[in-house]
Amino acid sequence: MERRTDLDALLPAADPNFANDVTLAPDGTAYVTDSFSPVIYKVNPDGIASILARDNVRFASPAFGLNGIAYHSNGFLIVANAGQGKLYKVDLQNGNTTTEITGTGALPGDGLTILNNDLYVVTGGNRVAQVRSTDNWQTASIIKFDATGYLGATTSVAVNNQIYTLNARIGENANARDFSIQRFR
């Protein structure tokens, strides 16, 4: 089923916006990051949209802000602010409280995927970081980087217990047909 939802209408007309990434909760609720405005949108299964969270400090960036987003089965979101190089946890069960996930250093995340409670972060367009937490994502550490041929990768997905990334050649050539899919090693 296809549904169109107007997220632009949720912001003042003068506010720039760029819906960037989406994740789905098991109930069908979609959560969407905005890279130009410091908000996360919520779209319920009926297509009704609202602003889930706005944070003019944590979600803002002078250039490109919120990017990747992933839903965690413990009832929270993990979002990446690419411009700040930080990861944030948005607790959906506690009033959408937002806290920084510390311990990773600068990690300008793009696509985020959770597999077996590890977070895989496509970062910098040329590598993927495997990130792990032992305290329910209050803190985390990078346990592995794979920088083998990811140049231009922007998103990832888990399939059959493997992480795959996509390089759609965005910005290189609007007519490019030589995209690549690569498996995390």
N, C-alpha and C. Protein backbone atom coordinates (compact mmCIF):
# COMPACT_ATOMS: atom_id res chain seq x y z
N MET A 1 0.84 -1.17 0.00
CA MET A 1 0.00 0.00 0.00
C MET A 1 0.89 1.24 0.00
N GLU A 2 0.52 2.21 -0.78
CA GLU A 2 1.24 3.47 -0.83
C GLU A 2 0.41 4.55 -0.18
N ARG A 3 1.08 5.38 0.61
CA ARG A 3 0.39 6.49 1.26
C ARG A 3 1.33 7.70 1.22
N ARG A 4 0.78 8.84 0.96
CA ARG A 4 1.55 10.08 0.97
C ARG A 4 1.13 10.90 2.17
N THR A 5 2.12 11.39 2.89
CA THR A 5 1.86 12.20 4.07
C THR A 5 2.66 13.49 3.95
N ASP A 6 2.01 14.62 4.15
CA ASP A 6 2.65 15.93 4.02
C ASP A 6 3.32 16.31 5.33
N LEU A 7 4.64 16.17 5.38
CA LEU A 7 5.40 16.57 6.57
C LEU A 7 5.69 18.06 6.55
N ASP A 8 5.79 18.64 5.37
CA ASP A 8 6.08 20.06 5.21
C ASP A 8 5.07 20.93 5.94
N ALA A 9 3.83 20.50 6.01
CA ALA A 9 2.77 21.28 6.63
C ALA A 9 2.93 21.40 8.15
N LEU A 10 3.80 20.59 8.73
CA LEU A 10 3.99 20.60 10.18
C LEU A 10 4.93 21.71 10.66
N LEU A 11 5.65 22.32 9.73
CA LEU A 11 6.62 23.36 10.08
C LEU A 11 6.16 24.70 9.54
N PRO A 12 6.59 25.80 10.15
CA PRO A 12 6.31 27.12 9.58
C PRO A 12 6.86 27.19 8.15
N ALA A 13 6.19 27.93 7.29
CA ALA A 13 6.55 28.00 5.88
C ALA A 13 8.00 28.43 5.66
N ALA A 14 8.53 29.27 6.54
CA ALA A 14 9.89 29.77 6.37
C ALA A 14 10.96 28.76 6.79
N ASP A 15 10.58 27.72 7.51
CA ASP A 15 11.57 26.74 7.99
C ASP A 15 12.01 25.81 6.87
N PRO A 16 13.33 25.68 6.67
CA PRO A 16 13.79 24.72 5.67
C PRO A 16 13.51 23.30 6.17
N ASN A 17 13.34 22.38 5.24
CA ASN A 17 13.13 21.00 5.68
C ASN A 17 13.62 20.04 4.61
N PHE A 18 14.01 18.86 5.08
CA PHE A 18 14.49 17.80 4.20
C PHE A 18 14.30 16.47 4.91
N ALA A 19 13.21 15.80 4.63
CA ALA A 19 12.98 14.47 5.21
C ALA A 19 14.07 13.55 4.67
N ASN A 20 14.79 12.90 5.58
CA ASN A 20 15.98 12.16 5.14
C ASN A 20 15.85 10.66 5.30
N ASP A 21 15.58 10.18 6.50
CA ASP A 21 15.60 8.75 6.74
C ASP A 21 14.34 8.35 7.50
N VAL A 22 14.01 7.08 7.44
CA VAL A 22 12.79 6.58 8.08
C VAL A 22 13.08 5.23 8.72
N THR A 23 12.40 4.97 9.84
CA THR A 23 12.41 3.66 10.46
C THR A 23 10.99 3.33 10.87
N LEU A 24 10.70 2.06 10.97
CA LEU A 24 9.36 1.61 11.33
C LEU A 24 9.36 0.87 12.65
N ALA A 25 8.36 1.15 13.48
CA ALA A 25 8.13 0.39 14.71
C ALA A 25 7.26 -0.82 14.34
N PRO A 26 7.23 -1.84 15.18
CA PRO A 26 6.42 -3.03 14.87
C PRO A 26 4.94 -2.74 14.63
N ASP A 27 4.40 -1.68 15.24
CA ASP A 27 2.99 -1.35 15.05
C ASP A 27 2.72 -0.58 13.76
N GLY A 28 3.75 -0.33 12.95
CA GLY A 28 3.58 0.37 11.69
C GLY A 28 3.81 1.86 11.77
N THR A 29 4.12 2.39 12.94
CA THR A 29 4.43 3.81 13.07
C THR A 29 5.78 4.09 12.41
N ALA A 30 5.83 5.14 11.61
CA ALA A 30 7.07 5.56 10.95
C ALA A 30 7.65 6.76 11.69
N TYR A 31 8.95 6.77 11.83
CA TYR A 31 9.67 7.90 12.41
C TYR A 31 10.65 8.40 11.35
N VAL A 32 10.65 9.73 11.13
CA VAL A 32 11.39 10.32 10.02
C VAL A 32 12.27 11.45 10.54
N THR A 33 13.54 11.44 10.12
CA THR A 33 14.44 12.54 10.48
C THR A 33 14.33 13.67 9.46
N ASP A 34 14.65 14.87 9.90
CA ASP A 34 14.71 16.04 9.04
C ASP A 34 16.12 16.62 9.16
N SER A 35 16.82 16.70 8.05
CA SER A 35 18.21 17.14 8.08
C SER A 35 18.38 18.65 8.13
N PHE A 36 17.34 19.42 7.80
CA PHE A 36 17.45 20.87 7.80
C PHE A 36 16.69 21.54 8.93
N SER A 37 15.77 20.87 9.55
CA SER A 37 15.06 21.38 10.74
C SER A 37 15.29 20.40 11.88
N PRO A 38 15.41 20.88 13.11
CA PRO A 38 15.78 20.01 14.23
C PRO A 38 14.59 19.21 14.79
N VAL A 39 13.98 18.39 13.92
CA VAL A 39 12.79 17.65 14.34
C VAL A 39 12.85 16.19 13.87
N ILE A 40 12.10 15.37 14.61
CA ILE A 40 11.79 14.00 14.19
C ILE A 40 10.28 13.95 14.05
N TYR A 41 9.82 13.46 12.92
CA TYR A 41 8.39 13.33 12.66
C TYR A 41 7.92 11.94 13.06
N LYS A 42 6.66 11.87 13.41
CA LYS A 42 5.99 10.59 13.68
C LYS A 42 4.79 10.50 12.74
N VAL A 43 4.68 9.37 12.05
CA VAL A 43 3.55 9.14 11.16
C VAL A 43 2.89 7.85 11.62
N ASN A 44 1.65 7.96 12.11
CA ASN A 44 0.98 6.76 12.62
C ASN A 44 0.54 5.87 11.45
N PRO A 45 0.13 4.64 11.72
CA PRO A 45 -0.24 3.73 10.63
C PRO A 45 -1.36 4.22 9.73
N ASP A 46 -2.15 5.18 10.19
CA ASP A 46 -3.21 5.76 9.37
C ASP A 46 -2.71 6.93 8.52
N GLY A 47 -1.42 7.27 8.63
CA GLY A 47 -0.85 8.35 7.83
C GLY A 47 -0.94 9.71 8.46
N ILE A 48 -1.37 9.79 9.72
CA ILE A 48 -1.46 11.08 10.41
C ILE A 48 -0.10 11.43 10.98
N ALA A 49 0.41 12.59 10.57
CA ALA A 49 1.75 13.01 10.95
C ALA A 49 1.73 14.04 12.07
N SER A 50 2.80 14.00 12.86
CA SER A 50 3.01 14.99 13.92
C SER A 50 4.52 15.11 14.14
N ILE A 51 4.89 16.12 14.92
CA ILE A 51 6.29 16.25 15.31
C ILE A 51 6.46 15.49 16.61
N LEU A 52 7.28 14.45 16.58
CA LEU A 52 7.55 13.64 17.77
C LEU A 52 8.45 14.40 18.73
N ALA A 53 9.52 14.97 18.20
CA ALA A 53 10.50 15.66 19.05
C ALA A 53 11.13 16.80 18.27
N ARG A 54 11.36 17.89 18.99
CA ARG A 54 12.09 19.04 18.45
C ARG A 54 13.14 19.38 19.49
N ASP A 55 14.38 19.53 19.02
CA ASP A 55 15.46 19.89 19.93
C ASP A 55 16.41 20.81 19.19
N ASN A 56 16.35 22.09 19.51
CA ASN A 56 17.13 23.09 18.80
C ASN A 56 18.62 23.04 19.12
N VAL A 57 19.01 22.22 20.08
CA VAL A 57 20.43 22.06 20.40
C VAL A 57 20.94 20.71 19.87
N ARG A 58 20.35 19.63 20.34
CA ARG A 58 20.85 18.30 19.97
C ARG A 58 20.59 17.94 18.50
N PHE A 59 19.49 18.40 17.95
CA PHE A 59 19.14 18.01 16.59
C PHE A 59 19.59 19.02 15.54
N ALA A 60 20.12 20.15 15.94
CA ALA A 60 20.51 21.20 14.99
C ALA A 60 21.94 20.99 14.50
N SER A 61 22.22 21.62 13.37
CA SER A 61 23.56 21.61 12.82
C SER A 61 23.66 22.78 11.85
N PRO A 62 24.85 23.39 11.72
CA PRO A 62 24.97 24.53 10.80
C PRO A 62 24.76 24.13 9.34
N ALA A 63 24.90 22.86 9.03
CA ALA A 63 24.72 22.43 7.65
C ALA A 63 23.69 21.29 7.60
N PHE A 64 24.13 20.09 7.74
CA PHE A 64 23.29 18.90 7.60
C PHE A 64 23.15 18.26 8.98
N GLY A 65 21.94 18.20 9.52
CA GLY A 65 21.73 17.72 10.89
C GLY A 65 21.35 16.27 10.97
N LEU A 66 20.12 16.01 11.46
CA LEU A 66 19.68 14.63 11.65
C LEU A 66 19.71 13.88 10.32
N ASN A 67 20.15 12.63 10.43
CA ASN A 67 20.28 11.83 9.23
C ASN A 67 19.70 10.45 9.49
N GLY A 68 20.52 9.47 9.86
CA GLY A 68 20.04 8.11 10.06
C GLY A 68 19.17 7.97 11.31
N ILE A 69 18.29 6.94 11.28
CA ILE A 69 17.41 6.67 12.41
C ILE A 69 17.12 5.17 12.43
N ALA A 70 17.05 4.61 13.64
CA ALA A 70 16.73 3.19 13.79
C ALA A 70 15.84 3.01 15.01
N TYR A 71 14.87 2.11 14.89
CA TYR A 71 13.99 1.77 16.01
C TYR A 71 14.59 0.59 16.77
N HIS A 72 14.70 0.71 18.08
CA HIS A 72 15.20 -0.37 18.93
C HIS A 72 14.02 -1.06 19.61
N SER A 73 14.06 -2.36 19.70
CA SER A 73 12.94 -3.14 20.26
C SER A 73 12.67 -2.85 21.73
N ASN A 74 13.56 -2.15 22.41
CA ASN A 74 13.32 -1.75 23.80
C ASN A 74 12.51 -0.46 23.89
N GLY A 75 11.98 0.02 22.77
CA GLY A 75 11.08 1.18 22.79
C GLY A 75 11.75 2.52 22.70
N PHE A 76 12.85 2.60 21.95
CA PHE A 76 13.49 3.90 21.74
C PHE A 76 14.04 3.98 20.33
N LEU A 77 14.38 5.19 19.94
CA LEU A 77 15.01 5.45 18.65
C LEU A 77 16.47 5.80 18.88
N ILE A 78 17.30 5.45 17.93
CA ILE A 78 18.66 5.96 17.88
C ILE A 78 18.75 6.80 16.61
N VAL A 79 19.19 8.04 16.77
CA VAL A 79 19.30 8.94 15.62
C VAL A 79 20.73 9.48 15.54
N ALA A 80 21.14 9.75 14.32
CA ALA A 80 22.48 10.30 14.09
C ALA A 80 22.36 11.74 13.63
N ASN A 81 23.11 12.61 14.29
CA ASN A 81 23.24 13.99 13.82
C ASN A 81 24.57 14.03 13.07
N ALA A 82 24.49 13.99 11.74
CA ALA A 82 25.70 13.92 10.92
C ALA A 82 26.58 15.14 11.11
N GLY A 83 25.98 16.33 11.20
CA GLY A 83 26.75 17.56 11.34
C GLY A 83 27.50 17.65 12.65
N GLN A 84 26.92 17.11 13.72
CA GLN A 84 27.58 17.11 15.02
C GLN A 84 28.47 15.89 15.23
N GLY A 85 28.24 14.83 14.44
CA GLY A 85 28.99 13.59 14.63
C GLY A 85 28.58 12.86 15.90
N LYS A 86 27.30 13.00 16.29
CA LYS A 86 26.83 12.40 17.55
C LYS A 86 25.62 11.50 17.31
N LEU A 87 25.46 10.54 18.23
CA LEU A 87 24.29 9.68 18.26
C LEU A 87 23.43 10.06 19.44
N TYR A 88 22.11 10.00 19.26
CA TYR A 88 21.17 10.32 20.32
C TYR A 88 20.15 9.20 20.48
N LYS A 89 19.71 9.04 21.72
CA LYS A 89 18.66 8.08 22.05
C LYS A 89 17.40 8.88 22.38
N VAL A 90 16.29 8.52 21.74
CA VAL A 90 15.01 9.16 22.01
C VAL A 90 14.11 8.09 22.62
N ASP A 91 13.82 8.23 23.91
CA ASP A 91 13.07 7.22 24.66
C ASP A 91 11.57 7.40 24.45
N LEU A 92 10.99 6.55 23.63
CA LEU A 92 9.57 6.65 23.30
C LEU A 92 8.67 6.29 24.48
N GLN A 93 9.21 5.61 25.48
CA GLN A 93 8.42 5.19 26.63
C GLN A 93 8.57 6.14 27.81
N ASN A 94 9.36 7.20 27.61
CA ASN A 94 9.61 8.15 28.69
C ASN A 94 9.50 9.59 28.16
N GLY A 95 8.37 9.90 27.55
CA GLY A 95 8.13 11.27 27.11
C GLY A 95 9.04 11.75 25.99
N ASN A 96 9.63 10.82 25.23
CA ASN A 96 10.54 11.15 24.14
C ASN A 96 11.79 11.88 24.62
N THR A 97 12.19 11.58 25.85
CA THR A 97 13.41 12.15 26.42
C THR A 97 14.59 11.84 25.50
N THR A 98 15.38 12.86 25.23
CA THR A 98 16.53 12.69 24.33
C THR A 98 17.81 12.83 25.12
N THR A 99 18.71 11.85 24.95
CA THR A 99 20.02 11.89 25.59
C THR A 99 21.10 11.52 24.57
N GLU A 100 22.27 12.09 24.75
CA GLU A 100 23.39 11.75 23.88
C GLU A 100 23.94 10.39 24.27
N ILE A 101 24.23 9.56 23.29
CA ILE A 101 24.92 8.29 23.51
C ILE A 101 26.40 8.61 23.45
N THR A 102 27.09 8.51 24.55
CA THR A 102 28.50 8.89 24.61
C THR A 102 29.41 7.67 24.43
N GLY A 103 30.68 7.95 24.16
CA GLY A 103 31.69 6.90 24.11
C GLY A 103 32.19 6.54 22.72
N THR A 104 31.55 7.06 21.68
CA THR A 104 31.97 6.68 20.32
C THR A 104 32.92 7.68 19.68
N GLY A 105 33.09 8.85 20.29
CA GLY A 105 33.83 9.91 19.62
C GLY A 105 33.00 10.43 18.47
N ALA A 106 33.61 11.21 17.60
CA ALA A 106 32.88 11.77 16.46
C ALA A 106 32.49 10.66 15.49
N LEU A 107 31.20 10.57 15.22
CA LEU A 107 30.68 9.52 14.33
C LEU A 107 29.57 10.14 13.48
N PRO A 108 29.92 10.77 12.35
CA PRO A 108 28.92 11.44 11.52
C PRO A 108 28.07 10.42 10.76
N GLY A 109 27.04 9.92 11.42
CA GLY A 109 26.25 8.82 10.90
C GLY A 109 25.30 9.20 9.78
N ASP A 110 25.14 8.26 8.89
CA ASP A 110 24.16 8.35 7.81
C ASP A 110 23.18 7.22 8.05
N GLY A 111 23.21 6.17 7.28
CA GLY A 111 22.30 5.05 7.49
C GLY A 111 22.59 4.30 8.78
N LEU A 112 21.54 3.96 9.54
CA LEU A 112 21.68 3.19 10.78
C LEU A 112 20.86 1.91 10.67
N THR A 113 21.44 0.81 11.13
CA THR A 113 20.72 -0.47 11.16
C THR A 113 21.10 -1.19 12.45
N ILE A 114 20.09 -1.76 13.12
CA ILE A 114 20.35 -2.54 14.33
C ILE A 114 20.21 -4.01 13.96
N LEU A 115 21.23 -4.79 14.35
CA LEU A 115 21.22 -6.23 14.15
C LEU A 115 21.84 -6.88 15.38
N ASN A 116 21.09 -7.77 16.01
CA ASN A 116 21.57 -8.47 17.22
C ASN A 116 22.06 -7.49 18.29
N ASN A 117 21.33 -6.40 18.45
CA ASN A 117 21.58 -5.34 19.42
C ASN A 117 22.85 -4.53 19.15
N ASP A 118 23.53 -4.77 18.06
CA ASP A 118 24.62 -3.90 17.63
C ASP A 118 24.06 -2.91 16.63
N LEU A 119 24.62 -1.71 16.62
CA LEU A 119 24.23 -0.67 15.69
C LEU A 119 25.30 -0.58 14.61
N TYR A 120 24.87 -0.61 13.36
CA TYR A 120 25.79 -0.45 12.24
C TYR A 120 25.54 0.94 11.66
N VAL A 121 26.61 1.73 11.61
CA VAL A 121 26.52 3.13 11.21
C VAL A 121 27.32 3.34 9.93
N VAL A 122 26.62 3.68 8.84
CA VAL A 122 27.31 4.11 7.63
C VAL A 122 27.79 5.52 7.92
N THR A 123 29.10 5.73 7.84
CA THR A 123 29.65 6.99 8.31
C THR A 123 30.67 7.55 7.32
N GLY A 124 30.55 8.84 7.09
CA GLY A 124 31.51 9.52 6.24
C GLY A 124 31.44 9.09 4.78
N GLY A 125 30.45 8.28 4.41
CA GLY A 125 30.31 7.84 3.04
C GLY A 125 31.34 6.82 2.59
N ASN A 126 32.24 6.39 3.50
CA ASN A 126 33.28 5.48 3.04
C ASN A 126 33.60 4.35 4.02
N ARG A 127 32.79 4.21 5.08
CA ARG A 127 33.05 3.11 6.01
C ARG A 127 31.78 2.82 6.81
N VAL A 128 31.80 1.67 7.45
CA VAL A 128 30.71 1.26 8.32
C VAL A 128 31.30 0.93 9.68
N ALA A 129 30.69 1.47 10.72
CA ALA A 129 31.13 1.20 12.09
C ALA A 129 30.14 0.26 12.76
N GLN A 130 30.65 -0.75 13.42
CA GLN A 130 29.82 -1.62 14.25
C GLN A 130 29.95 -1.10 15.68
N VAL A 131 28.82 -0.71 16.26
CA VAL A 131 28.80 -0.04 17.56
C VAL A 131 28.01 -0.92 18.53
N ARG A 132 28.52 -1.03 19.76
CA ARG A 132 27.89 -1.89 20.76
C ARG A 132 27.71 -1.14 22.08
N SER A 133 26.61 -1.46 22.75
CA SER A 133 26.33 -0.89 24.07
C SER A 133 26.04 -2.01 25.05
N THR A 134 26.48 -1.82 26.28
CA THR A 134 26.19 -2.80 27.34
C THR A 134 25.29 -2.19 28.42
N ASP A 135 24.81 -0.95 28.19
CA ASP A 135 23.99 -0.28 29.21
C ASP A 135 22.72 0.33 28.60
N ASN A 136 22.12 -0.40 27.67
CA ASN A 136 20.88 0.03 27.02
C ASN A 136 21.03 1.37 26.30
N TRP A 137 22.17 1.55 25.69
CA TRP A 137 22.48 2.69 24.83
C TRP A 137 22.54 4.03 25.55
N GLN A 138 23.05 4.00 26.78
CA GLN A 138 23.45 5.25 27.43
C GLN A 138 24.84 5.63 26.93
N THR A 139 25.68 4.61 26.81
CA THR A 139 27.02 4.75 26.24
C THR A 139 27.20 3.64 25.22
N ALA A 140 28.21 3.79 24.39
CA ALA A 140 28.50 2.77 23.38
C ALA A 140 29.95 2.89 22.97
N SER A 141 30.43 1.86 22.31
CA SER A 141 31.79 1.92 21.78
C SER A 141 31.82 1.27 20.40
N ILE A 142 32.75 1.76 19.60
CA ILE A 142 32.94 1.20 18.27
C ILE A 142 33.79 -0.05 18.43
N ILE A 143 33.28 -1.17 17.95
CA ILE A 143 34.05 -2.41 18.09
C ILE A 143 34.71 -2.81 16.78
N LYS A 144 34.26 -2.22 15.67
CA LYS A 144 34.88 -2.56 14.40
C LYS A 144 34.53 -1.50 13.36
N PHE A 145 35.52 -1.18 12.51
CA PHE A 145 35.30 -0.37 11.32
C PHE A 145 35.58 -1.24 10.11
N ASP A 146 34.76 -1.13 9.09
CA ASP A 146 35.04 -1.75 7.81
C ASP A 146 35.07 -0.62 6.79
N ALA A 147 36.22 -0.40 6.20
CA ALA A 147 36.38 0.69 5.23
C ALA A 147 36.76 0.14 3.86
N THR A 148 36.24 -1.03 3.54
CA THR A 148 36.61 -1.70 2.31
C THR A 148 35.61 -1.39 1.19
N GLY A 149 35.87 -0.34 0.45
CA GLY A 149 35.10 -0.07 -0.76
C GLY A 149 33.73 0.55 -0.59
N TYR A 150 33.47 1.25 0.49
CA TYR A 150 32.14 1.84 0.72
C TYR A 150 31.99 3.24 0.16
N LEU A 151 32.91 3.71 -0.61
CA LEU A 151 32.88 5.10 -1.07
C LEU A 151 31.50 5.48 -1.58
N GLY A 152 30.87 6.43 -0.91
CA GLY A 152 29.57 6.93 -1.30
C GLY A 152 28.38 6.21 -0.67
N ALA A 153 28.61 5.23 0.18
CA ALA A 153 27.49 4.50 0.80
C ALA A 153 26.69 5.44 1.68
N THR A 154 25.36 5.28 1.64
CA THR A 154 24.49 6.17 2.41
C THR A 154 23.50 5.44 3.29
N THR A 155 23.24 4.17 3.04
CA THR A 155 22.22 3.48 3.82
C THR A 155 22.59 2.01 3.97
N SER A 156 21.92 1.35 4.92
CA SER A 156 22.20 -0.06 5.15
C SER A 156 20.91 -0.77 5.54
N VAL A 157 20.96 -2.10 5.48
CA VAL A 157 19.82 -2.94 5.82
C VAL A 157 20.35 -4.28 6.32
N ALA A 158 19.60 -4.91 7.21
CA ALA A 158 19.95 -6.25 7.69
C ALA A 158 19.12 -7.28 6.92
N VAL A 159 19.80 -8.27 6.35
CA VAL A 159 19.14 -9.36 5.63
C VAL A 159 19.85 -10.66 5.99
N ASN A 160 19.11 -11.64 6.49
CA ASN A 160 19.69 -12.94 6.84
C ASN A 160 20.91 -12.81 7.74
N ASN A 161 20.80 -11.97 8.78
CA ASN A 161 21.87 -11.76 9.75
C ASN A 161 23.15 -11.17 9.15
N GLN A 162 23.02 -10.46 8.06
CA GLN A 162 24.14 -9.76 7.43
C GLN A 162 23.74 -8.31 7.20
N ILE A 163 24.72 -7.42 7.22
CA ILE A 163 24.50 -6.00 6.94
C ILE A 163 24.96 -5.72 5.51
N TYR A 164 24.08 -5.05 4.76
CA TYR A 164 24.39 -4.64 3.40
C TYR A 164 24.24 -3.13 3.30
N THR A 165 25.12 -2.50 2.52
CA THR A 165 25.04 -1.06 2.29
C THR A 165 24.73 -0.79 0.82
N LEU A 166 24.19 0.40 0.57
CA LEU A 166 23.88 0.82 -0.79
C LEU A 166 24.61 2.11 -1.09
N ASN A 167 25.29 2.13 -2.22
CA ASN A 167 25.85 3.35 -2.76
C ASN A 167 25.07 3.65 -4.03
N ALA A 168 24.17 4.64 -3.94
CA ALA A 168 23.34 5.00 -5.08
C ALA A 168 23.99 6.04 -5.98
N ARG A 169 25.23 6.41 -5.68
CA ARG A 169 25.97 7.41 -6.45
C ARG A 169 25.26 8.76 -6.43
N ILE A 170 24.65 9.08 -5.30
CA ILE A 170 23.93 10.34 -5.16
C ILE A 170 24.90 11.49 -5.35
N GLY A 171 24.54 12.43 -6.18
CA GLY A 171 25.36 13.62 -6.40
C GLY A 171 26.46 13.43 -7.42
N GLU A 172 26.79 12.18 -7.75
CA GLU A 172 27.86 11.97 -8.71
C GLU A 172 27.38 12.23 -10.14
N ASN A 173 26.23 11.64 -10.46
CA ASN A 173 25.69 11.75 -11.80
C ASN A 173 24.22 11.34 -11.73
N ALA A 174 23.35 12.24 -12.08
CA ALA A 174 21.91 11.97 -11.96
C ALA A 174 21.47 10.78 -12.79
N ASN A 175 22.22 10.44 -13.83
CA ASN A 175 21.85 9.33 -14.70
C ASN A 175 22.67 8.07 -14.43
N ALA A 176 23.45 8.06 -13.36
CA ALA A 176 24.32 6.91 -13.09
C ALA A 176 23.49 5.65 -12.87
N ARG A 177 23.95 4.57 -13.43
CA ARG A 177 23.29 3.27 -13.27
C ARG A 177 24.22 2.26 -12.61
N ASP A 178 25.36 2.71 -12.17
CA ASP A 178 26.34 1.80 -11.60
C ASP A 178 26.37 1.87 -10.07
N PHE A 179 25.19 1.72 -9.44
CA PHE A 179 25.13 1.69 -7.99
C PHE A 179 25.76 0.38 -7.50
N SER A 180 26.05 0.33 -6.21
CA SER A 180 26.64 -0.90 -5.68
C SER A 180 26.00 -1.26 -4.34
N ILE A 181 25.93 -2.55 -4.10
CA ILE A 181 25.48 -3.09 -2.82
C ILE A 181 26.65 -3.91 -2.28
N GLN A 182 26.97 -3.68 -1.02
CA GLN A 182 28.14 -4.36 -0.45
C GLN A 182 27.80 -4.92 0.92
N ARG A 183 28.35 -6.08 1.23
CA ARG A 183 28.13 -6.74 2.53
C ARG A 183 29.22 -6.34 3.50
N PHE A 184 28.79 -6.00 4.74
CA PHE A 184 29.72 -5.67 5.83
C PHE A 184 30.52 -6.92 6.18
N ARG A 185 31.83 -6.76 6.33
CA ARG A 185 32.70 -7.91 6.69
C ARG A 185 33.11 -7.85 8.13
